[in-house]
Amino acid sequence: MVSVARLERLAVAVVAVTLLLTGPFGVVDATARNPTTVGDGRANATVERLDTSALVVEGGRFGTGVDYLRIPDATISVSDIEGRPRLVYRVSVPELGVDRTTTRLLSGGQSETVRLGMRDRGLDPDGVTEQRYRATITVRVQSFEYDQTVFEADETVEVRP
């Protein structure tokens, strides 16, 4: 059986070796940024297509008995990309307990058209009690140094049979 004192010494040794390897004179650079994460930067963005009238609550197909919040795709034109910002597309319907977000990381220097979409959200069948709900839809360009809303709309979500 391993003694507690021996486990403590082993833990101290692991921490000491890690600090030596990742310290200022170590061989491993622990401060290197992951290239797949958002960083500093900015971009110009314009929403080309976002059919907010397609944001509706409808019954499920094939007799499932479940209602779904149908969420439209957003098509965004992006230019003048500097650094590694991201696009953020968010749909929030608080009365239905829905707050969905999807993001896309942008690469510096390229202009592109980006399509962001989300899966439809299944809802509690007993939770849909009204014929209309309020939703907020936003599209933003975001980084550590920059956060600009390029589209924001308050919409009425219709419940369709």
Protein backbone atom coordinates (compact mmCIF):
# COMPACT_ATOMS: atom_id res chain seq x y z
CA MET A 1 0.00 0.00 0.00
CA VAL A 2 1.24 3.49 -0.89
CA SER A 3 1.63 5.91 2.00
CA VAL A 4 0.09 9.37 2.04
CA ALA A 5 3.53 10.97 2.45
CA ARG A 6 4.75 9.21 -0.70
CA LEU A 7 1.71 10.43 -2.70
CA GLU A 8 2.32 13.98 -1.48
CA ARG A 9 5.97 13.86 -2.58
CA LEU A 10 4.91 12.49 -5.98
CA ALA A 11 2.37 15.33 -6.44
CA VAL A 12 4.99 17.95 -5.50
CA ALA A 13 7.46 16.38 -7.95
CA VAL A 14 4.91 16.47 -10.81
CA VAL A 15 4.12 20.13 -10.16
CA ALA A 16 7.83 21.05 -9.93
CA VAL A 17 8.69 19.28 -13.20
CA THR A 18 5.73 20.94 -14.95
CA LEU A 19 6.83 24.36 -13.74
CA LEU A 20 10.42 23.75 -14.87
CA LEU A 21 9.34 22.60 -18.34
CA THR A 22 6.84 25.42 -18.93
CA GLY A 23 8.66 28.26 -17.15
CA PRO A 24 10.55 31.08 -18.86
CA PHE A 25 13.58 28.85 -19.43
CA GLY A 26 11.66 25.66 -20.12
CA VAL A 27 11.39 23.74 -23.36
CA VAL A 28 7.57 23.91 -23.64
CA ASP A 29 5.80 27.19 -24.44
CA ALA A 30 2.57 26.98 -22.45
CA THR A 31 1.51 30.46 -23.57
CA ALA A 32 1.17 29.62 -27.26
CA ARG A 33 -2.35 30.36 -28.46
CA ASN A 34 -4.51 27.71 -29.96
CA PRO A 35 -5.07 28.77 -33.60
CA THR A 36 -8.65 27.50 -33.51
CA THR A 37 -9.78 29.93 -30.82
CA VAL A 38 -11.00 33.50 -31.05
CA GLY A 39 -8.40 36.18 -30.57
CA ASP A 40 -7.96 39.86 -31.23
CA GLY A 41 -9.23 41.33 -34.45
CA ARG A 42 -12.16 42.83 -36.28
CA ALA A 43 -14.11 42.54 -39.52
CA ASN A 44 -16.81 44.27 -41.51
CA ALA A 45 -19.98 42.21 -41.81
CA THR A 46 -23.33 42.64 -43.53
CA VAL A 47 -26.29 40.31 -43.21
CA GLU A 48 -27.21 39.35 -46.76
CA ARG A 49 -30.11 37.05 -45.94
CA LEU A 50 -31.96 36.29 -42.73
CA ASP A 51 -35.65 35.54 -43.17
CA THR A 52 -36.92 36.45 -39.71
CA SER A 53 -40.47 35.55 -40.73
CA ALA A 54 -39.30 31.92 -40.94
CA LEU A 55 -38.76 31.90 -37.16
CA VAL A 56 -41.93 30.04 -36.17
CA VAL A 57 -43.20 27.33 -33.86
CA GLU A 58 -44.66 24.36 -35.74
CA GLY A 59 -45.77 20.88 -34.89
CA GLY A 60 -43.38 18.03 -35.49
CA ARG A 61 -43.59 15.89 -38.55
CA PHE A 62 -44.94 12.36 -38.73
CA GLY A 63 -47.26 12.80 -35.75
CA THR A 64 -44.55 13.19 -33.12
CA GLY A 65 -46.71 15.45 -30.95
CA VAL A 66 -43.75 17.74 -30.28
CA ASP A 67 -43.60 21.42 -31.26
CA TYR A 68 -40.40 22.81 -32.79
CA LEU A 69 -38.96 26.28 -32.98
CA ARG A 70 -37.85 26.56 -36.62
CA ILE A 71 -34.72 28.73 -36.81
CA PRO A 72 -33.74 30.29 -40.17
CA ASP A 73 -30.17 30.30 -41.48
CA ALA A 74 -28.25 33.58 -41.66
CA THR A 75 -26.07 34.42 -44.67
CA ILE A 76 -23.44 37.03 -43.84
CA SER A 77 -20.94 38.78 -46.11
CA VAL A 78 -17.64 39.40 -44.32
CA SER A 79 -14.73 41.57 -45.50
CA ASP A 80 -11.65 43.36 -44.20
CA ILE A 81 -10.93 40.60 -41.68
CA GLU A 82 -8.06 41.37 -39.32
CA GLY A 83 -6.82 38.84 -36.79
CA ARG A 84 -9.13 36.06 -35.59
CA PRO A 85 -12.58 37.46 -34.73
CA ARG A 86 -15.72 35.35 -34.84
CA LEU A 87 -19.26 35.75 -36.09
CA VAL A 88 -21.95 35.12 -33.49
CA TYR A 89 -25.56 34.35 -34.49
CA ARG A 90 -27.99 34.22 -31.56
CA VAL A 91 -31.72 33.54 -31.29
CA SER A 92 -33.39 34.05 -27.92
CA VAL A 93 -37.04 33.32 -27.03
CA PRO A 94 -37.08 33.65 -23.23
CA GLU A 95 -40.74 32.64 -22.74
CA LEU A 96 -40.00 29.28 -24.35
CA GLY A 97 -36.68 28.84 -22.54
CA VAL A 98 -34.72 29.03 -25.81
CA ASP A 99 -31.36 30.78 -26.13
CA ARG A 100 -29.42 29.32 -29.08
CA THR A 101 -26.06 30.50 -30.41
CA THR A 102 -23.80 29.41 -33.23
CA THR A 103 -20.41 30.87 -34.13
CA ARG A 104 -17.87 30.81 -36.94
CA LEU A 105 -14.21 31.72 -36.52
CA LEU A 106 -12.92 34.05 -39.24
CA SER A 107 -9.45 34.02 -40.79
CA GLY A 108 -7.56 37.26 -41.31
CA GLY A 109 -7.34 38.88 -44.71
CA GLN A 110 -10.02 36.98 -46.62
CA SER A 111 -13.44 38.14 -47.70
CA GLU A 112 -16.11 35.50 -47.64
CA THR A 113 -19.79 34.75 -47.43
CA VAL A 114 -20.67 32.72 -44.36
CA ARG A 115 -23.83 30.74 -43.75
CA LEU A 116 -24.69 30.12 -40.11
CA GLY A 117 -27.50 27.78 -39.21
CA MET A 118 -28.92 26.03 -36.19
CA ARG A 119 -30.99 22.93 -35.76
CA ASP A 120 -34.64 23.38 -34.98
CA ARG A 121 -35.30 23.27 -31.25
CA GLY A 122 -37.77 20.78 -29.83
CA LEU A 123 -40.09 22.28 -27.23
CA ASP A 124 -41.99 20.90 -24.28
CA PRO A 125 -45.49 20.16 -25.64
CA ASP A 126 -47.05 21.66 -22.50
CA GLY A 127 -44.78 24.72 -22.69
CA VAL A 128 -46.37 26.22 -25.82
CA THR A 129 -49.45 27.93 -24.41
CA GLU A 130 -49.61 31.18 -26.41
CA GLN A 131 -50.10 31.97 -30.11
CA ARG A 132 -47.21 34.44 -30.22
CA TYR A 133 -43.87 34.86 -28.49
CA ARG A 134 -41.19 37.58 -28.55
CA ALA A 135 -37.75 36.73 -29.90
CA THR A 136 -34.49 38.62 -30.20
CA ILE A 137 -32.18 37.83 -33.12
CA THR A 138 -28.63 39.18 -33.20
CA VAL A 139 -25.56 38.82 -35.39
CA ARG A 140 -22.26 40.16 -34.02
CA VAL A 141 -18.58 40.29 -34.88
CA GLN A 142 -16.68 39.59 -31.68
CA SER A 143 -13.11 39.27 -30.43
CA PHE A 144 -11.26 40.05 -27.24
CA GLU A 145 -10.86 43.68 -28.28
CA TYR A 146 -13.94 44.20 -30.45
CA ASP A 147 -17.67 43.51 -30.25
CA GLN A 148 -19.98 45.01 -32.86
CA THR A 149 -23.62 44.16 -33.43
CA VAL A 150 -24.29 44.12 -37.17
CA PHE A 151 -27.92 42.97 -36.96
CA GLU A 152 -30.48 43.04 -34.16
CA ALA A 153 -34.22 42.54 -34.40
CA ASP A 154 -37.07 41.92 -32.02
CA GLU A 155 -39.50 39.60 -33.77
CA THR A 156 -42.84 38.01 -33.11
CA VAL A 157 -42.75 34.21 -33.32
CA GLU A 158 -46.02 32.81 -34.60
CA VAL A 159 -47.30 29.40 -33.48
CA ARG A 160 -48.59 27.47 -36.47
CA PRO A 161 -50.80 24.39 -36.21
